[in-house]
Amino acid sequence: RESIPKSFPPSPGRNRSQPIRTVSTGLYSLITAILHRDHGVLSYRTSRSVADTHQASGVQSKRMPSNPCVTQGLEKVVNRHKSRGRGLWAAVEWQAYIYVMEVYAHKHLLVLIAVVILSCGATTSFKLSPERIVFQTKHGDIEMALYPEVAPVTSTHIMALAKLGAYNTIDFFRVDRGFVAQCLDVAGNRKVPLNAAQAAEAAKKVPLEVRKDVKHNRRGILSMARWDDPNSGGSSFSITLGAAPHLDMKYAIFGEVTSGLETLDKFEQQPTKKEGIFVMPVEPITIQSSYVYVPGGSEDTNACGQRLELLQQRFDSQSSELQKLRSKQLPGT
């Protein structure tokens, strides 16, 4: 689209005074890469990467020796941060990365555990919905879980829309690198009309459900868009592409990305244009299809068993009543 539809609710703008990423966020990404790494050894010249970053940031330092204990997962994290060129902040993060890599290479596991605790201590885990929402785009899939205990009204509303297929053909109209990727409101912005059930759910508004312990502190947080009225959330929401603490207590967090962060990386690699306060992809990023599923199917099995048990109880009760009626009306049967 060349312009934003008038029906689109405004969303949070970036607070330029805030650092886009923090050292703790970078360390969190690093630890994640290490914990999910393949156990093979990959030779990678960390000294060259550090020198390149320092040169870009105007920071002088001596080269460090090569470290072979860096895996492919870590290399992806490293290259992503390097390509974003965050200046002095990038240099600080790189120093933290190299420190942790050296700790790991020398097997100082106690120190590494301490770094993990310090890096992830600010990240609180919340109960996830048993069901997952999946958005499918040409750049890959994004899988999301909701926070039913943190934002019950919002979670119920978004899950209902997803189950109805309301997000199909909706665009991620906004991709602001390091900040958010945001999808349009489903009302009036689909490439195909809403049916009656979809329109009824899309017309609902949700309240501002915020808590002080629920923060926009990392990549992959789902955050509700809204009008100036705090209780005007519809169906448009953002996925954070980095920490955004200035959004805390202003926009409702209702879930997180559980798989597909690499798809968000591809979103950020697309050419963009500036239109007003929005940074928009030149080529629209469309949700081609969406679906809801339960990982492993265990919840579905349990729910099915409970329903069967309830039906059996009803059958037994009705059978007993029928037998009493037959005995009363037809003595001797």
C-alpha atoms as a PDB file:
ATOM      1  CA  ARG A   1       0.000   0.000   0.000  1.00  0.00           C
ATOM      2  CA  GLU A   2       1.154   3.500  -0.736  1.00  0.00           C
ATOM      3  CA  SER A   3      -0.550   4.943   2.321  1.00  0.00           C
ATOM      4  CA  ILE A   4      -1.818   3.803   5.697  1.00  0.00           C
ATOM      5  CA  PRO A   5      -5.589   3.222   5.760  1.00  0.00           C
ATOM      6  CA  LYS A   6      -7.436   5.807   7.838  1.00  0.00           C
ATOM      7  CA  SER A   7      -8.884   3.040   9.981  1.00  0.00           C
ATOM      8  CA  PHE A   8      -5.416   2.001  11.143  1.00  0.00           C
ATOM      9  CA  PRO A   9      -4.865   2.807  14.848  1.00  0.00           C
ATOM     10  CA  PRO A  10      -1.728   4.765  15.718  1.00  0.00           C
ATOM     11  CA  SER A  11       1.050   2.838  17.407  1.00  0.00           C
ATOM     12  CA  PRO A  12       4.016   3.680  19.614  1.00  0.00           C
ATOM     13  CA  GLY A  13       6.842   5.719  18.091  1.00  0.00           C
ATOM     14  CA  ARG A  14      10.458   5.044  18.987  1.00  0.00           C
ATOM     15  CA  ASN A  15      11.929   6.997  21.847  1.00  0.00           C
ATOM     16  CA  ARG A  16      15.206   8.065  20.227  1.00  0.00           C
ATOM     17  CA  SER A  17      16.799   8.764  23.620  1.00  0.00           C
ATOM     18  CA  GLN A  18      16.687   5.062  24.482  1.00  0.00           C
ATOM     19  CA  PRO A  19      19.548   2.752  23.442  1.00  0.00           C
ATOM     20  CA  ILE A  20      18.168   0.328  20.871  1.00  0.00           C
ATOM     21  CA  ARG A  21      19.797  -2.689  22.489  1.00  0.00           C
ATOM     22  CA  THR A  22      21.481  -3.192  25.839  1.00  0.00           C
ATOM     23  CA  VAL A  23      24.444  -5.276  26.853  1.00  0.00           C
ATOM     24  CA  SER A  24      22.145  -7.651  28.769  1.00  0.00           C
ATOM     25  CA  THR A  25      19.954  -8.141  25.684  1.00  0.00           C
ATOM     26  CA  GLY A  26      23.012  -8.935  23.584  1.00  0.00           C
ATOM     27  CA  LEU A  27      24.301 -11.362  26.187  1.00  0.00           C
ATOM     28  CA  TYR A  28      20.895 -13.035  26.309  1.00  0.00           C
ATOM     29  CA  SER A  29      21.102 -13.650  22.545  1.00  0.00           C
ATOM     30  CA  LEU A  30      24.635 -14.954  22.933  1.00  0.00           C
ATOM     31  CA  ILE A  31      23.756 -17.375  25.721  1.00  0.00           C
ATOM     32  CA  THR A  32      20.774 -18.614  23.725  1.00  0.00           C
ATOM     33  CA  ALA A  33      23.057 -19.321  20.784  1.00  0.00           C
ATOM     34  CA  ILE A  34      25.525 -21.200  23.001  1.00  0.00           C
ATOM     35  CA  LEU A  35      22.857 -23.271  24.736  1.00  0.00           C
ATOM     36  CA  HIS A  36      21.307 -24.301  21.411  1.00  0.00           C
ATOM     37  CA  ARG A  37      24.601 -24.854  19.628  1.00  0.00           C
ATOM     38  CA  ASP A  38      25.639 -27.949  17.721  1.00  0.00           C
ATOM     39  CA  HIS A  39      28.465 -29.685  19.600  1.00  0.00           C
ATOM     40  CA  GLY A  40      30.819 -29.582  16.624  1.00  0.00           C
ATOM     41  CA  VAL A  41      33.662 -27.044  16.687  1.00  0.00           C
ATOM     42  CA  LEU A  42      33.731 -24.207  14.204  1.00  0.00           C
ATOM     43  CA  SER A  43      36.826 -22.103  13.527  1.00  0.00           C
ATOM     44  CA  TYR A  44      35.939 -18.450  13.559  1.00  0.00           C
ATOM     45  CA  ARG A  45      38.246 -15.442  13.795  1.00  0.00           C
ATOM     46  CA  THR A  46      36.749 -13.415  16.611  1.00  0.00           C
ATOM     47  CA  SER A  47      39.748 -11.083  16.589  1.00  0.00           C
ATOM     48  CA  ARG A  48      38.931  -9.949  13.051  1.00  0.00           C
ATOM     49  CA  SER A  49      35.287  -9.299  13.953  1.00  0.00           C
ATOM     50  CA  VAL A  50      36.212  -7.272  17.029  1.00  0.00           C
ATOM     51  CA  ALA A  51      38.721  -5.220  15.089  1.00  0.00           C
ATOM     52  CA  ASP A  52      36.124  -4.491  12.383  1.00  0.00           C
ATOM     53  CA  THR A  53      33.586  -3.366  14.974  1.00  0.00           C
ATOM     54  CA  HIS A  54      36.085  -1.190  16.810  1.00  0.00           C
ATOM     55  CA  GLN A  55      37.155   0.432  13.557  1.00  0.00           C
ATOM     56  CA  ALA A  56      33.524   1.233  12.717  1.00  0.00           C
ATOM     57  CA  SER A  57      32.967   2.647  16.203  1.00  0.00           C
ATOM     58  CA  GLY A  58      36.202   4.631  16.409  1.00  0.00           C
ATOM     59  CA  VAL A  59      37.416   2.529  19.346  1.00  0.00           C
ATOM     60  CA  GLN A  60      41.063   1.474  19.441  1.00  0.00           C
ATOM     61  CA  SER A  61      41.994  -1.903  20.878  1.00  0.00           C
ATOM     62  CA  LYS A  62      44.474  -4.721  20.411  1.00  0.00           C
ATOM     63  CA  ARG A  63      43.536  -7.793  18.452  1.00  0.00           C
ATOM     64  CA  MET A  64      42.614 -10.815  20.473  1.00  0.00           C
ATOM     65  CA  PRO A  65      43.763 -14.324  19.603  1.00  0.00           C
ATOM     66  CA  SER A  66      41.558 -16.595  17.512  1.00  0.00           C
ATOM     67  CA  ASN A  67      39.001 -18.650  19.412  1.00  0.00           C
ATOM     68  CA  PRO A  68      37.848 -21.925  17.805  1.00  0.00           C
ATOM     69  CA  CYS A  69      34.995 -22.538  20.278  1.00  0.00           C
ATOM     70  CA  VAL A  70      32.322 -20.545  18.430  1.00  0.00           C
ATOM     71  CA  THR A  71      29.497 -22.362  16.692  1.00  0.00           C
ATOM     72  CA  GLN A  72      27.313 -21.629  13.685  1.00  0.00           C
ATOM     73  CA  GLY A  73      24.435 -20.428  15.836  1.00  0.00           C
ATOM     74  CA  LEU A  74      26.721 -17.915  17.535  1.00  0.00           C
ATOM     75  CA  GLU A  75      28.163 -16.843  14.185  1.00  0.00           C
ATOM     76  CA  LYS A  76      24.653 -15.868  13.041  1.00  0.00           C
ATOM     77  CA  VAL A  77      24.138 -13.766  16.177  1.00  0.00           C
ATOM     78  CA  VAL A  78      27.539 -12.150  15.721  1.00  0.00           C
ATOM     79  CA  ASN A  79      26.983 -11.286  12.055  1.00  0.00           C
ATOM     80  CA  ARG A  80      23.527  -9.895  12.747  1.00  0.00           C
ATOM     81  CA  HIS A  81      24.764  -7.531  15.445  1.00  0.00           C
ATOM     82  CA  LYS A  82      27.809  -6.559  13.391  1.00  0.00           C
ATOM     83  CA  SER A  83      25.711  -5.697  10.331  1.00  0.00           C
ATOM     84  CA  ARG A  84      23.503  -3.339  12.325  1.00  0.00           C
ATOM     85  CA  GLY A  85      26.382  -1.010  13.174  1.00  0.00           C
ATOM     86  CA  ARG A  86      25.305   0.339  16.546  1.00  0.00           C
ATOM     87  CA  GLY A  87      28.402   2.492  17.026  1.00  0.00           C
ATOM     88  CA  LEU A  88      29.713   2.691  20.583  1.00  0.00           C
ATOM     89  CA  TRP A  89      26.947   0.436  21.903  1.00  0.00           C
ATOM     90  CA  ALA A  90      27.994  -2.192  19.372  1.00  0.00           C
ATOM     91  CA  ALA A  91      31.578  -1.979  20.633  1.00  0.00           C
ATOM     92  CA  VAL A  92      30.446  -2.416  24.230  1.00  0.00           C
ATOM     93  CA  GLU A  93      28.324  -5.426  23.263  1.00  0.00           C
ATOM     94  CA  TRP A  94      31.215  -6.930  21.339  1.00  0.00           C
ATOM     95  CA  GLN A  95      33.481  -6.638  24.365  1.00  0.00           C
ATOM     96  CA  ALA A  96      30.824  -8.519  26.359  1.00  0.00           C
ATOM     97  CA  TYR A  97      30.533 -11.169  23.644  1.00  0.00           C
ATOM     98  CA  ILE A  98      34.272 -11.745  23.530  1.00  0.00           C
ATOM     99  CA  TYR A  99      34.474 -11.924  27.316  1.00  0.00           C
ATOM    100  CA  VAL A 100      31.816 -14.628  27.474  1.00  0.00           C
ATOM    101  CA  MET A 101      33.377 -16.523  24.554  1.00  0.00           C
ATOM    102  CA  GLU A 102      36.732 -16.530  26.299  1.00  0.00           C
ATOM    103  CA  VAL A 103      35.088 -17.738  29.526  1.00  0.00           C
ATOM    104  CA  TYR A 104      33.380 -20.536  27.653  1.00  0.00           C
ATOM    105  CA  ALA A 105      36.523 -21.493  25.721  1.00  0.00           C
ATOM    106  CA  HIS A 106      38.468 -21.878  28.969  1.00  0.00           C
ATOM    107  CA  LYS A 107      35.601 -23.867  30.554  1.00  0.00           C
ATOM    108  CA  HIS A 108      35.132 -21.501  33.503  1.00  0.00           C
ATOM    109  CA  LEU A 109      31.601 -22.810  33.840  1.00  0.00           C
ATOM    110  CA  LEU A 110      30.836 -21.146  37.160  1.00  0.00           C
ATOM    111  CA  VAL A 111      31.593 -17.741  35.711  1.00  0.00           C
ATOM    112  CA  LEU A 112      29.528 -18.555  32.630  1.00  0.00           C
ATOM    113  CA  ILE A 113      26.588 -19.533  34.842  1.00  0.00           C
ATOM    114  CA  ALA A 114      26.927 -16.217  36.664  1.00  0.00           C
ATOM    115  CA  VAL A 115      26.873 -14.377  33.339  1.00  0.00           C
ATOM    116  CA  VAL A 116      23.744 -16.311  32.337  1.00  0.00           C
ATOM    117  CA  ILE A 117      22.030 -15.334  35.586  1.00  0.00           C
ATOM    118  CA  LEU A 118      22.995 -11.673  35.229  1.00  0.00           C
ATOM    119  CA  SER A 119      21.973 -11.620  31.562  1.00  0.00           C
ATOM    120  CA  CYS A 120      18.616 -13.312  31.949  1.00  0.00           C
ATOM    121  CA  GLY A 121      17.661 -12.232  35.431  1.00  0.00           C
ATOM    122  CA  ALA A 122      15.484  -9.424  34.129  1.00  0.00           C
ATOM    123  CA  THR A 123      13.552 -11.802  31.873  1.00  0.00           C
ATOM    124  CA  THR A 124      10.514 -13.278  33.632  1.00  0.00           C
ATOM    125  CA  SER A 125       8.746 -16.356  32.302  1.00  0.00           C
ATOM    126  CA  PHE A 126       4.960 -16.323  32.119  1.00  0.00           C
ATOM    127  CA  LYS A 127       2.532 -19.164  31.589  1.00  0.00           C
ATOM    128  CA  LEU A 128       2.054 -19.748  27.866  1.00  0.00           C
ATOM    129  CA  SER A 129      -1.182 -20.675  26.174  1.00  0.00           C
ATOM    130  CA  PRO A 130      -1.316 -24.362  25.198  1.00  0.00           C
ATOM    131  CA  GLU A 131      -2.200 -23.333  21.641  1.00  0.00           C
ATOM    132  CA  ARG A 132       0.191 -21.675  19.194  1.00  0.00           C
ATOM    133  CA  ILE A 133      -0.698 -19.149  16.497  1.00  0.00           C
ATOM    134  CA  VAL A 134       1.340 -19.428  13.288  1.00  0.00           C
ATOM    135  CA  PHE A 135       1.586 -16.679  10.666  1.00  0.00           C
ATOM    136  CA  GLN A 136       2.970 -17.881   7.333  1.00  0.00           C
ATOM    137  CA  THR A 137       4.767 -15.391   5.076  1.00  0.00           C
ATOM    138  CA  LYS A 138       7.034 -15.744   2.053  1.00  0.00           C
ATOM    139  CA  HIS A 139       9.975 -15.037   4.367  1.00  0.00           C
ATOM    140  CA  GLY A 140       9.080 -17.882   6.721  1.00  0.00           C
ATOM    141  CA  ASP A 141       6.727 -18.719   9.594  1.00  0.00           C
ATOM    142  CA  ILE A 142       6.272 -16.931  12.916  1.00  0.00           C
ATOM    143  CA  GLU A 143       4.951 -19.043  15.781  1.00  0.00           C
ATOM    144  CA  MET A 144       3.474 -17.269  18.802  1.00  0.00           C
ATOM    145  CA  ALA A 145       2.160 -18.214  22.240  1.00  0.00           C
ATOM    146  CA  LEU A 146      -0.094 -15.941  24.278  1.00  0.00           C
ATOM    147  CA  TYR A 147      -0.091 -14.951  27.980  1.00  0.00           C
ATOM    148  CA  PRO A 148      -3.608 -15.843  29.190  1.00  0.00           C
ATOM    149  CA  GLU A 149      -2.823 -14.963  32.810  1.00  0.00           C
ATOM    150  CA  VAL A 150      -1.129 -11.642  32.004  1.00  0.00           C
ATOM    151  CA  ALA A 151      -3.662 -10.323  29.474  1.00  0.00           C
ATOM    152  CA  PRO A 152      -6.704 -12.621  29.545  1.00  0.00           C
ATOM    153  CA  VAL A 153      -9.098 -10.424  27.547  1.00  0.00           C
ATOM    154  CA  THR A 154      -6.545  -9.555  24.871  1.00  0.00           C
ATOM    155  CA  SER A 155      -5.311 -13.150  24.594  1.00  0.00           C
ATOM    156  CA  THR A 156      -8.838 -14.502  24.187  1.00  0.00           C
ATOM    157  CA  HIS A 157      -9.625 -11.890  21.523  1.00  0.00           C
ATOM    158  CA  ILE A 158      -6.457 -12.435  19.456  1.00  0.00           C
ATOM    159  CA  MET A 159      -6.760 -16.228  19.690  1.00  0.00           C
ATOM    160  CA  ALA A 160     -10.392 -16.028  18.529  1.00  0.00           C
ATOM    161  CA  LEU A 161      -9.395 -13.914  15.519  1.00  0.00           C
ATOM    162  CA  ALA A 162      -6.573 -16.338  14.661  1.00  0.00           C
ATOM    163  CA  LYS A 163      -8.887 -19.370  14.878  1.00  0.00           C
ATOM    164  CA  LEU A 164     -11.316 -17.607  12.544  1.00  0.00           C
ATOM    165  CA  GLY A 165      -8.512 -16.953  10.032  1.00  0.00           C
ATOM    166  CA  ALA A 166      -9.026 -13.201  10.296  1.00  0.00           C
ATOM    167  CA  TYR A 167      -5.315 -12.394   9.862  1.00  0.00           C
ATOM    168  CA  ASN A 168      -5.073 -14.091   6.460  1.00  0.00           C
ATOM    169  CA  THR A 169      -3.949 -11.585   3.748  1.00  0.00           C
ATOM    170  CA  ILE A 170      -3.131  -8.902   6.363  1.00  0.00           C
ATOM    171  CA  ASP A 171       0.182  -7.036   5.864  1.00  0.00           C
ATOM    172  CA  PHE A 172       3.023  -6.280   8.247  1.00  0.00           C
ATOM    173  CA  PHE A 173       2.868  -2.685   7.080  1.00  0.00           C
ATOM    174  CA  ARG A 174       5.628  -1.501   9.429  1.00  0.00           C
ATOM    175  CA  VAL A 175       9.122  -2.907   9.941  1.00  0.00           C
ATOM    176  CA  ASP A 176      11.332  -0.554  11.964  1.00  0.00           C
ATOM    177  CA  ARG A 177      14.700  -2.261  12.420  1.00  0.00           C
ATOM    178  CA  GLY A 178      15.546  -2.858  16.079  1.00  0.00           C
ATOM    179  CA  PHE A 179      12.128  -1.598  17.188  1.00  0.00           C
ATOM    180  CA  VAL A 180       8.931  -3.318  15.948  1.00  0.00           C
ATOM    181  CA  ALA A 181       7.244  -5.184  13.105  1.00  0.00           C
ATOM    182  CA  GLN A 182       3.559  -4.313  13.129  1.00  0.00           C
ATOM    183  CA  CYS A 183       0.543  -5.849  11.392  1.00  0.00           C
ATOM    184  CA  LEU A 184      -2.521  -3.951  10.247  1.00  0.00           C
ATOM    185  CA  ASP A 185      -5.920  -4.080  11.901  1.00  0.00           C
ATOM    186  CA  VAL A 186      -8.000  -6.820  10.264  1.00  0.00           C
ATOM    187  CA  ALA A 187     -11.066  -4.558   9.985  1.00  0.00           C
ATOM    188  CA  GLY A 188     -11.020  -2.933   6.559  1.00  0.00           C
ATOM    189  CA  ASN A 189      -7.495  -4.001   5.637  1.00  0.00           C
ATOM    190  CA  ARG A 190      -7.846  -7.595   4.424  1.00  0.00           C
ATOM    191  CA  LYS A 191      -7.497  -8.353   0.738  1.00  0.00           C
ATOM    192  CA  VAL A 192     -10.697 -10.394   1.046  1.00  0.00           C
ATOM    193  CA  PRO A 193     -13.801  -9.299   3.013  1.00  0.00           C
ATOM    194  CA  LEU A 194     -14.427 -10.494   6.561  1.00  0.00           C
ATOM    195  CA  ASN A 195     -17.269 -12.928   7.050  1.00  0.00           C
ATOM    196  CA  ALA A 196     -19.929 -12.293   9.712  1.00  0.00           C
ATOM    197  CA  ALA A 197     -18.121 -14.162  12.512  1.00  0.00           C
ATOM    198  CA  GLN A 198     -14.786 -12.502  11.737  1.00  0.00           C
ATOM    199  CA  ALA A 199     -16.362  -9.038  11.559  1.00  0.00           C
ATOM    200  CA  ALA A 200     -18.139  -9.532  14.902  1.00  0.00           C
ATOM    201  CA  GLU A 201     -14.890 -10.484  16.670  1.00  0.00           C
ATOM    202  CA  ALA A 202     -12.871  -7.770  14.903  1.00  0.00           C
ATOM    203  CA  ALA A 203     -15.325  -5.113  16.091  1.00  0.00           C
ATOM    204  CA  LYS A 204     -14.512  -5.815  19.751  1.00  0.00           C
ATOM    205  CA  LYS A 205     -12.167  -3.549  21.722  1.00  0.00           C
ATOM    206  CA  VAL A 206      -9.892  -4.747  24.493  1.00  0.00           C
ATOM    207  CA  PRO A 207      -8.777  -2.903  27.642  1.00  0.00           C
ATOM    208  CA  LEU A 208      -5.213  -1.906  28.471  1.00  0.00           C
ATOM    209  CA  GLU A 209      -3.929  -4.939  30.396  1.00  0.00           C
ATOM    210  CA  VAL A 210      -0.535  -3.987  31.838  1.00  0.00           C
ATOM    211  CA  ARG A 211       1.595  -5.110  34.771  1.00  0.00           C
ATOM    212  CA  LYS A 212       4.826  -3.652  36.132  1.00  0.00           C
ATOM    213  CA  ASP A 213       6.574  -7.022  35.957  1.00  0.00           C
ATOM    214  CA  VAL A 214       5.702  -7.558  32.273  1.00  0.00           C
ATOM    215  CA  LYS A 215       8.155  -5.607  30.131  1.00  0.00           C
ATOM    216  CA  HIS A 216       9.179  -4.960  26.527  1.00  0.00           C
ATOM    217  CA  ASN A 217      12.674  -6.152  27.419  1.00  0.00           C
ATOM    218  CA  ARG A 218      13.643  -8.349  24.484  1.00  0.00           C
ATOM    219  CA  ARG A 219      13.054  -9.389  20.915  1.00  0.00           C
ATOM    220  CA  GLY A 220       9.852 -11.263  20.071  1.00  0.00           C
ATOM    221  CA  ILE A 221       7.378  -9.685  22.537  1.00  0.00           C
ATOM    222  CA  LEU A 222       3.776  -9.277  21.292  1.00  0.00           C
ATOM    223  CA  SER A 223       2.469  -5.784  22.081  1.00  0.00           C
ATOM    224  CA  MET A 224      -1.041  -4.492  21.377  1.00  0.00           C
ATOM    225  CA  ALA A 225      -1.523  -1.370  19.254  1.00  0.00           C
ATOM    226  CA  ARG A 226      -4.262   1.101  20.203  1.00  0.00           C
ATOM    227  CA  TRP A 227      -5.719   4.553  19.717  1.00  0.00           C
ATOM    228  CA  ASP A 228      -5.105   7.383  22.194  1.00  0.00           C
ATOM    229  CA  ASP A 229      -7.792   5.824  24.380  1.00  0.00           C
ATOM    230  CA  PRO A 230      -5.933   3.175  26.444  1.00  0.00           C
ATOM    231  CA  ASN A 231      -8.896   0.802  26.143  1.00  0.00           C
ATOM    232  CA  SER A 232      -9.172   0.932  22.358  1.00  0.00           C
ATOM    233  CA  GLY A 233      -7.080  -2.071  21.278  1.00  0.00           C
ATOM    234  CA  GLY A 234      -8.472  -3.834  18.215  1.00  0.00           C
ATOM    235  CA  SER A 235      -6.529  -6.439  16.254  1.00  0.00           C
ATOM    236  CA  SER A 236      -3.354  -4.638  15.171  1.00  0.00           C
ATOM    237  CA  PHE A 237      -0.281  -5.550  17.189  1.00  0.00           C
ATOM    238  CA  SER A 238       3.497  -5.271  17.117  1.00  0.00           C
ATOM    239  CA  ILE A 239       6.290  -7.807  17.527  1.00  0.00           C
ATOM    240  CA  THR A 240       9.315  -6.209  19.153  1.00  0.00           C
ATOM    241  CA  LEU A 241      12.616  -6.411  17.285  1.00  0.00           C
ATOM    242  CA  GLY A 242      14.599  -5.331  20.329  1.00  0.00           C
ATOM    243  CA  ALA A 243      14.142  -4.003  23.848  1.00  0.00           C
ATOM    244  CA  ALA A 244      11.692  -1.065  24.022  1.00  0.00           C
ATOM    245  CA  PRO A 245      11.343  -0.098  27.711  1.00  0.00           C
ATOM    246  CA  HIS A 246       9.594   3.190  26.893  1.00  0.00           C
ATOM    247  CA  LEU A 247       6.526   1.146  25.857  1.00  0.00           C
ATOM    248  CA  ASP A 248       6.162  -0.465  29.297  1.00  0.00           C
ATOM    249  CA  MET A 249       2.830   0.212  31.059  1.00  0.00           C
ATOM    250  CA  LYS A 250       1.569   2.019  27.937  1.00  0.00           C
ATOM    251  CA  TYR A 251       0.912  -0.894  25.591  1.00  0.00           C
ATOM    252  CA  ALA A 252      -0.390  -4.315  26.616  1.00  0.00           C
ATOM    253  CA  ILE A 253       1.950  -7.297  26.299  1.00  0.00           C
ATOM    254  CA  PHE A 254      -0.024 -10.451  25.576  1.00  0.00           C
ATOM    255  CA  GLY A 255       2.446 -13.053  24.287  1.00  0.00           C
ATOM    256  CA  GLU A 256       5.776 -13.900  22.699  1.00  0.00           C
ATOM    257  CA  VAL A 257       7.321 -15.463  19.617  1.00  0.00           C
ATOM    258  CA  THR A 258       8.207 -19.083  20.364  1.00  0.00           C
ATOM    259  CA  SER A 259       9.684 -19.891  16.939  1.00  0.00           C
ATOM    260  CA  GLY A 260      10.592 -17.863  13.867  1.00  0.00           C
ATOM    261  CA  LEU A 261      12.964 -15.143  15.083  1.00  0.00           C
ATOM    262  CA  GLU A 262      14.978 -15.826  11.924  1.00  0.00           C
ATOM    263  CA  THR A 263      11.888 -14.778   9.944  1.00  0.00           C
ATOM    264  CA  LEU A 264      11.942 -11.446  11.772  1.00  0.00           C
ATOM    265  CA  ASP A 265      15.611 -11.138  10.762  1.00  0.00           C
ATOM    266  CA  LYS A 266      14.520 -11.454   7.123  1.00  0.00           C
ATOM    267  CA  PHE A 267      11.835  -8.813   7.676  1.00  0.00           C
ATOM    268  CA  GLU A 268      14.532  -6.407   8.843  1.00  0.00           C
ATOM    269  CA  GLN A 269      16.651  -7.104   5.775  1.00  0.00           C
ATOM    270  CA  GLN A 270      13.946  -5.822   3.393  1.00  0.00           C
ATOM    271  CA  PRO A 271      14.266  -2.330   1.828  1.00  0.00           C
ATOM    272  CA  THR A 272      12.179   0.262   3.652  1.00  0.00           C
ATOM    273  CA  LYS A 273      10.765   3.756   3.161  1.00  0.00           C
ATOM    274  CA  LYS A 274       9.746   6.444   5.638  1.00  0.00           C
ATOM    275  CA  GLU A 275       6.148   7.606   5.685  1.00  0.00           C
ATOM    276  CA  GLY A 276       5.320   9.960   8.538  1.00  0.00           C
ATOM    277  CA  ILE A 277       6.468   8.331  11.787  1.00  0.00           C
ATOM    278  CA  PHE A 278       6.371   4.878  10.200  1.00  0.00           C
ATOM    279  CA  VAL A 279       9.226   2.933   8.628  1.00  0.00           C
ATOM    280  CA  MET A 280       7.556   0.694   6.064  1.00  0.00           C
ATOM    281  CA  PRO A 281       8.806  -2.118   3.824  1.00  0.00           C
ATOM    282  CA  VAL A 282       8.888  -1.076   0.174  1.00  0.00           C
ATOM    283  CA  GLU A 283       7.311  -4.409  -0.754  1.00  0.00           C
ATOM    284  CA  PRO A 284       4.399  -5.421   1.530  1.00  0.00           C
ATOM    285  CA  ILE A 285       4.994  -8.395   3.813  1.00  0.00           C
ATOM    286  CA  THR A 286       1.748 -10.344   3.752  1.00  0.00           C
ATOM    287  CA  ILE A 287       0.427 -12.998   6.118  1.00  0.00           C
ATOM    288  CA  GLN A 288      -0.436 -15.466   3.382  1.00  0.00           C
ATOM    289  CA  SER A 289      -1.997 -17.972   5.745  1.00  0.00           C
ATOM    290  CA  SER A 290      -2.410 -18.605   9.460  1.00  0.00           C
ATOM    291  CA  TYR A 291      -3.457 -21.461  11.710  1.00  0.00           C
ATOM    292  CA  VAL A 292      -3.667 -22.520  15.353  1.00  0.00           C
ATOM    293  CA  TYR A 293      -2.335 -25.802  16.730  1.00  0.00           C
ATOM    294  CA  VAL A 294      -1.350 -27.490  19.992  1.00  0.00           C
ATOM    295  CA  PRO A 295       2.318 -28.628  20.166  1.00  0.00           C
ATOM    296  CA  GLY A 296       2.565 -32.392  20.595  1.00  0.00           C
ATOM    297  CA  GLY A 297      -1.202 -32.753  20.671  1.00  0.00           C
ATOM    298  CA  SER A 298      -1.178 -33.726  24.381  1.00  0.00           C
ATOM    299  CA  GLU A 299      -3.603 -30.973  25.335  1.00  0.00           C
ATOM    300  CA  ASP A 300      -5.982 -32.050  22.564  1.00  0.00           C
ATOM    301  CA  THR A 301      -5.853 -35.653  23.795  1.00  0.00           C
ATOM    302  CA  ASN A 302      -6.553 -34.625  27.387  1.00  0.00           C
ATOM    303  CA  ALA A 303      -9.426 -32.389  26.361  1.00  0.00           C
ATOM    304  CA  CYS A 304     -10.895 -35.180  24.226  1.00  0.00           C
ATOM    305  CA  GLY A 305     -10.626 -37.623  27.138  1.00  0.00           C
ATOM    306  CA  GLN A 306     -12.389 -35.200  29.451  1.00  0.00           C
ATOM    307  CA  ARG A 307     -15.211 -34.714  26.964  1.00  0.00           C
ATOM    308  CA  LEU A 308     -15.598 -38.489  26.516  1.00  0.00           C
ATOM    309  CA  GLU A 309     -15.706 -38.987  30.279  1.00  0.00           C
ATOM    310  CA  LEU A 310     -18.412 -36.325  30.611  1.00  0.00           C
ATOM    311  CA  LEU A 311     -20.450 -37.915  27.811  1.00  0.00           C
ATOM    312  CA  GLN A 312     -20.104 -41.334  29.467  1.00  0.00           C
ATOM    313  CA  GLN A 313     -21.403 -39.913  32.758  1.00  0.00           C
ATOM    314  CA  ARG A 314     -24.384 -38.386  30.966  1.00  0.00           C
ATOM    315  CA  PHE A 315     -25.080 -41.641  29.148  1.00  0.00           C
ATOM    316  CA  ASP A 316     -24.936 -43.661  32.372  1.00  0.00           C
ATOM    317  CA  SER A 317     -27.254 -41.209  34.109  1.00  0.00           C
ATOM    318  CA  GLN A 318     -29.776 -41.254  31.269  1.00  0.00           C
ATOM    319  CA  SER A 319     -29.576 -45.049  31.043  1.00  0.00           C
ATOM    320  CA  SER A 320     -30.349 -45.339  34.749  1.00  0.00           C
ATOM    321  CA  GLU A 321     -33.304 -42.962  34.474  1.00  0.00           C
ATOM    322  CA  LEU A 322     -34.618 -44.841  31.451  1.00  0.00           C
ATOM    323  CA  GLN A 323     -34.419 -48.164  33.308  1.00  0.00           C
ATOM    324  CA  LYS A 324     -36.382 -46.711  36.255  1.00  0.00           C
ATOM    325  CA  LEU A 325     -39.030 -45.382  33.868  1.00  0.00           C
ATOM    326  CA  ARG A 326     -39.353 -48.752  32.123  1.00  0.00           C
ATOM    327  CA  SER A 327     -39.686 -50.585  35.467  1.00  0.00           C
ATOM    328  CA  LYS A 328     -42.424 -48.169  36.524  1.00  0.00           C
ATOM    329  CA  GLN A 329     -44.382 -48.226  33.282  1.00  0.00           C
ATOM    330  CA  LEU A 330     -43.748 -51.867  32.330  1.00  0.00           C
ATOM    331  CA  PRO A 331     -43.682 -53.995  35.485  1.00  0.00           C
ATOM    332  CA  GLY A 332     -41.716 -57.180  35.093  1.00  0.00           C
ATOM    333  CA  THR A 333     -39.280 -55.857  32.476  1.00  0.00           C
END
